[in-house]
PDB file of N, CA and C in Angstrom:
ATOM      1  N   MET A   1     -68.797 123.527  29.365  1.00  0.00           N
ATOM      2  CA  MET A   1     -69.178 122.252  28.615  1.00  0.00           C
ATOM      3  C   MET A   1     -69.396 122.519  27.182  1.00  0.00           C
ATOM      4  N   ASP A   2     -68.576 121.898  26.238  1.00  0.00           N
ATOM      5  CA  ASP A   2     -68.746 122.156  24.814  1.00  0.00           C
ATOM      6  C   ASP A   2     -69.961 121.617  24.255  1.00  0.00           C
ATOM      7  N   ILE A   3     -70.364 122.011  23.013  1.00  0.00           N
ATOM      8  CA  ILE A   3     -71.537 121.846  22.325  1.00  0.00           C
ATOM      9  C   ILE A   3     -71.867 120.247  22.275  1.00  0.00           C
ATOM     10  N   ALA A   4     -70.790 119.476  21.918  1.00  0.00           N
ATOM     11  CA  ALA A   4     -70.914 117.951  21.813  1.00  0.00           C
ATOM     12  C   ALA A   4     -71.436 117.461  22.996  1.00  0.00           C
ATOM     13  N   ASN A   5     -70.736 117.728  24.080  1.00  0.00           N
ATOM     14  CA  ASN A   5     -71.142 117.191  25.293  1.00  0.00           C
ATOM     15  C   ASN A   5     -72.574 117.392  25.813  1.00  0.00           C
ATOM     16  N   LYS A   6     -72.886 118.781  25.433  1.00  0.00           N
ATOM     17  CA  LYS A   6     -74.402 119.350  25.875  1.00  0.00           C
ATOM     18  C   LYS A   6     -75.199 118.290  24.995  1.00  0.00           C
ATOM     19  N   ALA A   7     -75.053 118.143  23.725  1.00  0.00           N
ATOM     20  CA  ALA A   7     -75.859 117.367  22.771  1.00  0.00           C
ATOM     21  C   ALA A   7     -75.949 115.886  23.431  1.00  0.00           C
ATOM     22  N   PHE A   8     -74.802 115.499  23.761  1.00  0.00           N
ATOM     23  CA  PHE A   8     -74.815 114.038  24.486  1.00  0.00           C
ATOM     24  C   PHE A   8     -75.615 113.919  25.655  1.00  0.00           C
ATOM     25  N   PHE A   9     -75.583 114.820  26.658  1.00  0.00           N
ATOM     26  CA  PHE A   9     -76.208 114.737  27.822  1.00  0.00           C
ATOM     27  C   PHE A   9     -77.743 114.983  27.580  1.00  0.00           C
ATOM     28  N   ALA A  10     -77.993 115.977  26.708  1.00  0.00           N
ATOM     29  CA  ALA A  10     -79.520 116.081  26.368  1.00  0.00           C
ATOM     30  C   ALA A  10     -80.160 114.806  25.689  1.00  0.00           C
ATOM     31  N   GLU A  11     -79.411 114.233  24.882  1.00  0.00           N
ATOM     32  CA  GLU A  11     -79.917 112.911  24.317  1.00  0.00           C
ATOM     33  C   GLU A  11     -80.124 111.911  25.362  1.00  0.00           C
ATOM     34  N   THR A  12     -79.078 111.736  26.285  1.00  0.00           N
ATOM     35  CA  THR A  12     -79.072 110.783  27.369  1.00  0.00           C
ATOM     36  C   THR A  12     -80.400 111.060  28.248  1.00  0.00           C
ATOM     37  N   ASN A  13     -80.600 112.210  28.572  1.00  0.00           N
ATOM     38  CA  ASN A  13     -81.740 112.641  29.438  1.00  0.00           C
ATOM     39  C   ASN A  13     -82.974 112.359  28.864  1.00  0.00           C
ATOM     40  N   ARG A  14     -83.138 112.247  27.693  1.00  0.00           N
ATOM     41  CA  ARG A  14     -84.509 111.950  26.888  1.00  0.00           C
ATOM     42  C   ARG A  14     -84.751 110.528  27.006  1.00  0.00           C
ATOM     43  N   GLN A  15     -83.655 109.631  26.971  1.00  0.00           N
ATOM     44  CA  GLN A  15     -83.828 108.143  26.900  1.00  0.00           C
ATOM     45  C   GLN A  15     -84.202 107.745  28.269  1.00  0.00           C
ATOM     46  N   PRO A  16     -85.218 106.794  28.250  1.00  0.00           N
ATOM     47  CA  PRO A  16     -85.618 106.274  29.552  1.00  0.00           C
ATOM     48  C   PRO A  16     -84.675 105.467  30.178  1.00  0.00           C
ATOM     49  N   PHE A  17     -84.608 105.411  31.547  1.00  0.00           N
ATOM     50  CA  PHE A  17     -83.488 104.633  32.136  1.00  0.00           C
ATOM     51  C   PHE A  17     -84.204 103.397  32.444  1.00  0.00           C
ATOM     52  N   THR A  18     -83.661 102.261  31.599  1.00  0.00           N
ATOM     53  CA  THR A  18     -84.294 100.976  31.565  1.00  0.00           C
ATOM     54  C   THR A  18     -83.412  99.770  31.912  1.00  0.00           C
ATOM     55  N   THR A  19     -82.333 100.054  32.597  1.00  0.00           N
ATOM     56  CA  THR A  19     -81.448  99.034  33.060  1.00  0.00           C
ATOM     57  C   THR A  19     -82.067  98.087  34.080  1.00  0.00           C
ATOM     58  N   ASP A  20     -82.141  96.812  33.923  1.00  0.00           N
ATOM     59  CA  ASP A  20     -82.991  96.068  34.808  1.00  0.00           C
ATOM     60  C   ASP A  20     -82.017  95.104  35.378  1.00  0.00           C
ATOM     61  N   LYS A  21     -82.707  94.254  36.397  1.00  0.00           N
ATOM     62  CA  LYS A  21     -81.613  93.408  37.146  1.00  0.00           C
ATOM     63  C   LYS A  21     -81.084  92.261  36.279  1.00  0.00           C
ATOM     64  N   LEU A  22     -81.640  91.951  35.237  1.00  0.00           N
ATOM     65  CA  LEU A  22     -81.064  90.842  34.334  1.00  0.00           C
ATOM     66  C   LEU A  22     -79.997  91.351  33.520  1.00  0.00           C
ATOM     67  N   SER A  23     -80.125  92.699  33.114  1.00  0.00           N
ATOM     68  CA  SER A  23     -78.927  93.128  32.301  1.00  0.00           C
ATOM     69  C   SER A  23     -77.747  93.213  33.224  1.00  0.00           C
ATOM     70  N   VAL A  24     -77.912  93.915  34.411  1.00  0.00           N
ATOM     71  CA  VAL A  24     -76.947  93.910  35.367  1.00  0.00           C
ATOM     72  C   VAL A  24     -76.144  92.694  35.676  1.00  0.00           C
ATOM     73  N   GLU A  25     -77.116  91.644  35.903  1.00  0.00           N
ATOM     74  CA  GLU A  25     -76.586  90.369  36.168  1.00  0.00           C
ATOM     75  C   GLU A  25     -75.694  89.768  34.992  1.00  0.00           C
ATOM     76  N   LYS A  26     -76.186  89.920  33.814  1.00  0.00           N
ATOM     77  CA  LYS A  26     -75.487  89.494  32.648  1.00  0.00           C
ATOM     78  C   LYS A  26     -74.080  90.188  32.394  1.00  0.00           C
ATOM     79  N   LEU A  27     -74.073  91.516  32.736  1.00  0.00           N
ATOM     80  CA  LEU A  27     -72.797  92.335  32.613  1.00  0.00           C
ATOM     81  C   LEU A  27     -71.888  91.928  33.659  1.00  0.00           C
ATOM     82  N   GLN A  28     -72.445  91.549  34.970  1.00  0.00           N
ATOM     83  CA  GLN A  28     -71.374  91.032  36.038  1.00  0.00           C
ATOM     84  C   GLN A  28     -70.874  89.797  35.512  1.00  0.00           C
ATOM     85  N   GLU A  29     -71.672  88.872  35.073  1.00  0.00           N
ATOM     86  CA  GLU A  29     -71.235  87.516  34.615  1.00  0.00           C
ATOM     87  C   GLU A  29     -70.017  87.647  33.584  1.00  0.00           C
ATOM     88  N   GLN A  30     -70.272  88.641  32.410  1.00  0.00           N
ATOM     89  CA  GLN A  30     -69.181  88.868  31.423  1.00  0.00           C
ATOM     90  C   GLN A  30     -67.956  89.373  32.088  1.00  0.00           C
ATOM     91  N   LEU A  31     -68.155  90.349  33.064  1.00  0.00           N
ATOM     92  CA  LEU A  31     -67.190  90.772  33.744  1.00  0.00           C
ATOM     93  C   LEU A  31     -66.163  89.870  34.603  1.00  0.00           C
ATOM     94  N   ASN A  32     -67.082  88.948  35.145  1.00  0.00           N
ATOM     95  CA  ASN A  32     -66.336  87.872  35.904  1.00  0.00           C
ATOM     96  C   ASN A  32     -65.594  86.781  35.007  1.00  0.00           C
ATOM     97  N   THR A  33     -66.137  86.570  33.892  1.00  0.00           N
ATOM     98  CA  THR A  33     -65.455  85.696  32.820  1.00  0.00           C
ATOM     99  C   THR A  33     -64.372  86.230  32.407  1.00  0.00           C
ATOM    100  N   ALA A  34     -64.219  87.606  32.133  1.00  0.00           N
ATOM    101  CA  ALA A  34     -63.197  88.240  31.587  1.00  0.00           C
ATOM    102  C   ALA A  34     -61.944  88.255  32.647  1.00  0.00           C
ATOM    103  N   LYS A  35     -62.279  88.691  33.816  1.00  0.00           N
ATOM    104  CA  LYS A  35     -61.409  88.726  35.019  1.00  0.00           C
ATOM    105  C   LYS A  35     -60.877  87.187  35.113  1.00  0.00           C
ATOM    106  N   LYS A  36     -61.514  86.142  35.015  1.00  0.00           N
ATOM    107  CA  LYS A  36     -61.022  84.889  35.120  1.00  0.00           C
ATOM    108  C   LYS A  36     -59.923  84.539  33.987  1.00  0.00           C
ATOM    109  N   ALA A  37     -60.404  84.873  32.783  1.00  0.00           N
ATOM    110  CA  ALA A  37     -59.499  84.604  31.693  1.00  0.00           C
ATOM    111  C   ALA A  37     -58.100  85.498  31.929  1.00  0.00           C
ATOM    112  N   LEU A  38     -58.449  86.792  32.256  1.00  0.00           N
ATOM    113  CA  LEU A  38     -57.145  87.578  32.354  1.00  0.00           C
ATOM    114  C   LEU A  38     -56.205  87.187  33.527  1.00  0.00           C
ATOM    115  N   THR A  39     -56.770  86.582  34.571  1.00  0.00           N
ATOM    116  CA  THR A  39     -56.120  86.187  35.875  1.00  0.00           C
ATOM    117  C   THR A  39     -55.256  84.832  35.278  1.00  0.00           C
ATOM    118  N   ASP A  40     -55.974  84.034  34.533  1.00  0.00           N
ATOM    119  CA  ASP A  40     -55.285  82.811  34.062  1.00  0.00           C
ATOM    120  C   ASP A  40     -53.961  83.084  33.173  1.00  0.00           C
ATOM    121  N   ILE A  41     -54.222  84.093  32.283  1.00  0.00           N
ATOM    122  CA  ILE A  41     -53.238  84.612  31.262  1.00  0.00           C
ATOM    123  C   ILE A  41     -52.198  85.160  32.082  1.00  0.00           C
ATOM    124  N   SER A  42     -52.515  86.056  33.094  1.00  0.00           N
ATOM    125  CA  SER A  42     -51.433  86.840  33.992  1.00  0.00           C
ATOM    126  C   SER A  42     -50.519  85.919  34.652  1.00  0.00           C
ATOM    127  N   SER A  43     -50.881  84.722  34.773  1.00  0.00           N
ATOM    128  CA  SER A  43     -50.046  83.836  35.750  1.00  0.00           C
ATOM    129  C   SER A  43     -49.142  83.014  34.806  1.00  0.00           C
ATOM    130  N   SER A  44     -49.097  83.231  33.362  1.00  0.00           N
ATOM    131  CA  SER A  44     -48.220  82.460  32.587  1.00  0.00           C
ATOM    132  C   SER A  44     -46.805  82.784  32.654  1.00  0.00           C
ATOM    133  N   ARG A  45     -45.970  81.904  32.634  1.00  0.00           N
ATOM    134  CA  ARG A  45     -44.549  82.254  32.861  1.00  0.00           C
ATOM    135  C   ARG A  45     -43.813  81.391  31.616  1.00  0.00           C
ATOM    136  N   GLN A  46     -42.693  81.904  31.497  1.00  0.00           N
ATOM    137  CA  GLN A  46     -41.677  81.299  30.501  1.00  0.00           C
ATOM    138  C   GLN A  46     -40.236  81.055  31.219  1.00  0.00           C
ATOM    139  N   GLU A  47     -39.567  80.217  30.938  1.00  0.00           N
ATOM    140  CA  GLU A  47     -38.153  79.841  31.433  1.00  0.00           C
ATOM    141  C   GLU A  47     -37.181  80.871  30.936  1.00  0.00           C
ATOM    142  N   ILE A  48     -36.239  81.175  31.715  1.00  0.00           N
ATOM    143  CA  ILE A  48     -35.205  81.959  31.161  1.00  0.00           C
ATOM    144  C   ILE A  48     -33.837  81.027  31.241  1.00  0.00           C
ATOM    145  N   TRP A  49     -33.370  80.974  30.075  1.00  0.00           N
ATOM    146  CA  TRP A  49     -32.226  80.014  29.615  1.00  0.00           C
ATOM    147  C   TRP A  49     -31.034  80.856  29.696  1.00  0.00           C
ATOM    148  N   ARG A  50     -30.006  80.497  30.373  1.00  0.00           N
ATOM    149  CA  ARG A  50     -28.390  81.226  30.024  1.00  0.00           C
ATOM    150  C   ARG A  50     -27.474  80.170  29.977  1.00  0.00           C
ATOM    151  N   GLY A  51     -26.611  80.020  28.959  1.00  0.00           N
ATOM    152  CA  GLY A  51     -25.714  79.112  28.670  1.00  0.00           C
ATOM    153  C   GLY A  51     -26.150  77.742  28.644  1.00  0.00           C
ATOM    154  N   GLY A  52     -27.425  77.594  28.162  1.00  0.00           N
ATOM    155  CA  GLY A  52     -27.995  76.033  28.120  1.00  0.00           C
ATOM    156  C   GLY A  52     -28.594  75.718  29.217  1.00  0.00           C
ATOM    157  N   THR A  53     -28.645  76.514  30.512  1.00  0.00           N
ATOM    158  CA  THR A  53     -29.205  76.197  31.750  1.00  0.00           C
ATOM    159  C   THR A  53     -30.371  77.201  32.200  1.00  0.00           C
ATOM    160  N   SER A  54     -31.470  76.549  32.598  1.00  0.00           N
ATOM    161  CA  SER A  54     -32.588  77.162  33.022  1.00  0.00           C
ATOM    162  C   SER A  54     -32.169  77.878  34.384  1.00  0.00           C
ATOM    163  N   VAL A  55     -32.433  79.078  34.298  1.00  0.00           N
ATOM    164  CA  VAL A  55     -31.984  79.905  35.440  1.00  0.00           C
ATOM    165  C   VAL A  55     -33.264  80.541  36.268  1.00  0.00           C
ATOM    166  N   GLY A  56     -34.533  80.368  35.749  1.00  0.00           N
ATOM    167  CA  GLY A  56     -35.622  80.817  36.294  1.00  0.00           C
ATOM    168  C   GLY A  56     -36.828  80.940  35.374  1.00  0.00           C
ATOM    169  N   LEU A  57     -37.860  81.662  35.953  1.00  0.00           N
ATOM    170  CA  LEU A  57     -39.091  81.972  35.201  1.00  0.00           C
ATOM    171  C   LEU A  57     -39.436  83.425  35.140  1.00  0.00           C
ATOM    172  N   GLU A  58     -40.053  83.953  34.198  1.00  0.00           N
ATOM    173  CA  GLU A  58     -40.422  85.338  34.146  1.00  0.00           C
ATOM    174  C   GLU A  58     -41.799  85.236  33.505  1.00  0.00           C
ATOM    175  N   LEU A  59     -42.564  86.445  33.718  1.00  0.00           N
ATOM    176  CA  LEU A  59     -43.842  86.574  33.105  1.00  0.00           C
ATOM    177  C   LEU A  59     -43.729  86.719  31.603  1.00  0.00           C
ATOM    178  N   THR A  60     -44.616  86.124  30.975  1.00  0.00           N
ATOM    179  CA  THR A  60     -44.715  86.303  29.298  1.00  0.00           C
ATOM    180  C   THR A  60     -45.228  87.709  29.125  1.00  0.00           C
ATOM    181  N   GLU A  61     -45.032  88.172  27.943  1.00  0.00           N
ATOM    182  CA  GLU A  61     -45.484  89.436  27.448  1.00  0.00           C
ATOM    183  C   GLU A  61     -47.070  89.365  27.646  1.00  0.00           C
ATOM    184  N   ASP A  62     -47.607  88.532  27.327  1.00  0.00           N
ATOM    185  CA  ASP A  62     -49.249  88.415  27.464  1.00  0.00           C
ATOM    186  C   ASP A  62     -49.463  88.482  28.945  1.00  0.00           C
ATOM    187  N   ALA A  63     -48.842  87.858  29.694  1.00  0.00           N
ATOM    188  CA  ALA A  63     -49.102  87.990  31.121  1.00  0.00           C
ATOM    189  C   ALA A  63     -48.948  89.465  31.586  1.00  0.00           C
ATOM    190  N   LYS A  64     -47.883  90.084  31.131  1.00  0.00           N
ATOM    191  CA  LYS A  64     -47.757  91.430  31.560  1.00  0.00           C
ATOM    192  C   LYS A  64     -48.851  92.342  31.153  1.00  0.00           C
ATOM    193  N   ILE A  65     -49.405  92.065  29.856  1.00  0.00           N
ATOM    194  CA  ILE A  65     -50.555  93.004  29.487  1.00  0.00           C
ATOM    195  C   ILE A  65     -51.815  92.451  30.120  1.00  0.00           C
ATOM    196  N   ALA A  66     -52.121  91.406  30.513  1.00  0.00           N
ATOM    197  CA  ALA A  66     -53.235  90.882  31.256  1.00  0.00           C
ATOM    198  C   ALA A  66     -53.214  91.379  32.735  1.00  0.00           C
ATOM    199  N   PHE A  67     -52.047  91.387  33.233  1.00  0.00           N
ATOM    200  CA  PHE A  67     -51.880  91.884  34.652  1.00  0.00           C
ATOM    201  C   PHE A  67     -52.321  93.559  34.591  1.00  0.00           C
ATOM    202  N   ASP A  68     -51.867  94.091  33.504  1.00  0.00           N
ATOM    203  CA  ASP A  68     -52.148  95.680  33.463  1.00  0.00           C
ATOM    204  C   ASP A  68     -53.578  95.834  33.290  1.00  0.00           C
ATOM    205  N   ALA A  69     -54.265  95.056  32.550  1.00  0.00           N
ATOM    206  CA  ALA A  69     -55.662  95.075  32.248  1.00  0.00           C
ATOM    207  C   ALA A  69     -56.577  94.723  33.410  1.00  0.00           C
ATOM    208  N   LEU A  70     -55.966  93.805  34.214  1.00  0.00           N
ATOM    209  CA  LEU A  70     -56.616  93.527  35.621  1.00  0.00           C
ATOM    210  C   LEU A  70     -56.656  94.689  36.484  1.00  0.00           C
ATOM    211  N   ALA A  71     -55.474  95.331  36.569  1.00  0.00           N
ATOM    212  CA  ALA A  71     -55.302  96.724  37.385  1.00  0.00           C
ATOM    213  C   ALA A  71     -56.263  97.723  37.011  1.00  0.00           C
ATOM    214  N   ALA A  72     -56.441  97.790  35.651  1.00  0.00           N
ATOM    215  CA  ALA A  72     -57.308  98.846  35.166  1.00  0.00           C
ATOM    216  C   ALA A  72     -58.753  98.584  35.347  1.00  0.00           C
ATOM    217  N   ILE A  73     -59.080  97.303  35.434  1.00  0.00           N
ATOM    218  CA  ILE A  73     -60.438  96.851  35.714  1.00  0.00           C
ATOM    219  C   ILE A  73     -60.814  97.255  37.207  1.00  0.00           C
ATOM    220  N   GLY A  74     -59.822  97.039  38.049  1.00  0.00           N
ATOM    221  CA  GLY A  74     -60.087  97.263  39.510  1.00  0.00           C
ATOM    222  C   GLY A  74     -59.975  95.981  40.272  1.00  0.00           C
ATOM    223  N   GLY A  75     -60.298  96.098  41.571  1.00  0.00           N
ATOM    224  CA  GLY A  75     -60.095  94.974  42.608  1.00  0.00           C
ATOM    225  C   GLY A  75     -61.230  94.094  42.284  1.00  0.00           C
ATOM    226  N   ASP A  76     -61.146  92.913  43.012  1.00  0.00           N
ATOM    227  CA  ASP A  76     -62.073  91.925  43.020  1.00  0.00           C
ATOM    228  C   ASP A  76     -63.363  92.289  43.786  1.00  0.00           C
ATOM    229  N   ASP A  77     -64.416  92.668  43.267  1.00  0.00           N
ATOM    230  CA  ASP A  77     -65.555  92.951  44.008  1.00  0.00           C
ATOM    231  C   ASP A  77     -66.867  92.230  43.941  1.00  0.00           C
ATOM    232  N   GLU A  78     -66.375  90.858  43.987  1.00  0.00           N
ATOM    233  CA  GLU A  78     -67.504  89.948  43.982  1.00  0.00           C
ATOM    234  C   GLU A  78     -68.112  89.705  45.235  1.00  0.00           C
TER     235      GLU A  78
END
């Protein structure tokens, strides 16, 4: 373990563990709100046009990014 990591863990061990239920609930609420927004964005589609004719739908670039972000966050653990 390098010096920076040792210093970090030493400081962390000196700080009291004060995570309370209200803090955890607030963080869970924020996570759920972010997941909802990303889920809404990840379902956005745009029309594909060829020769003046609509031939289908595809994910928008924002939808692709949101989908990747949801995958990084993990599954639905509500």
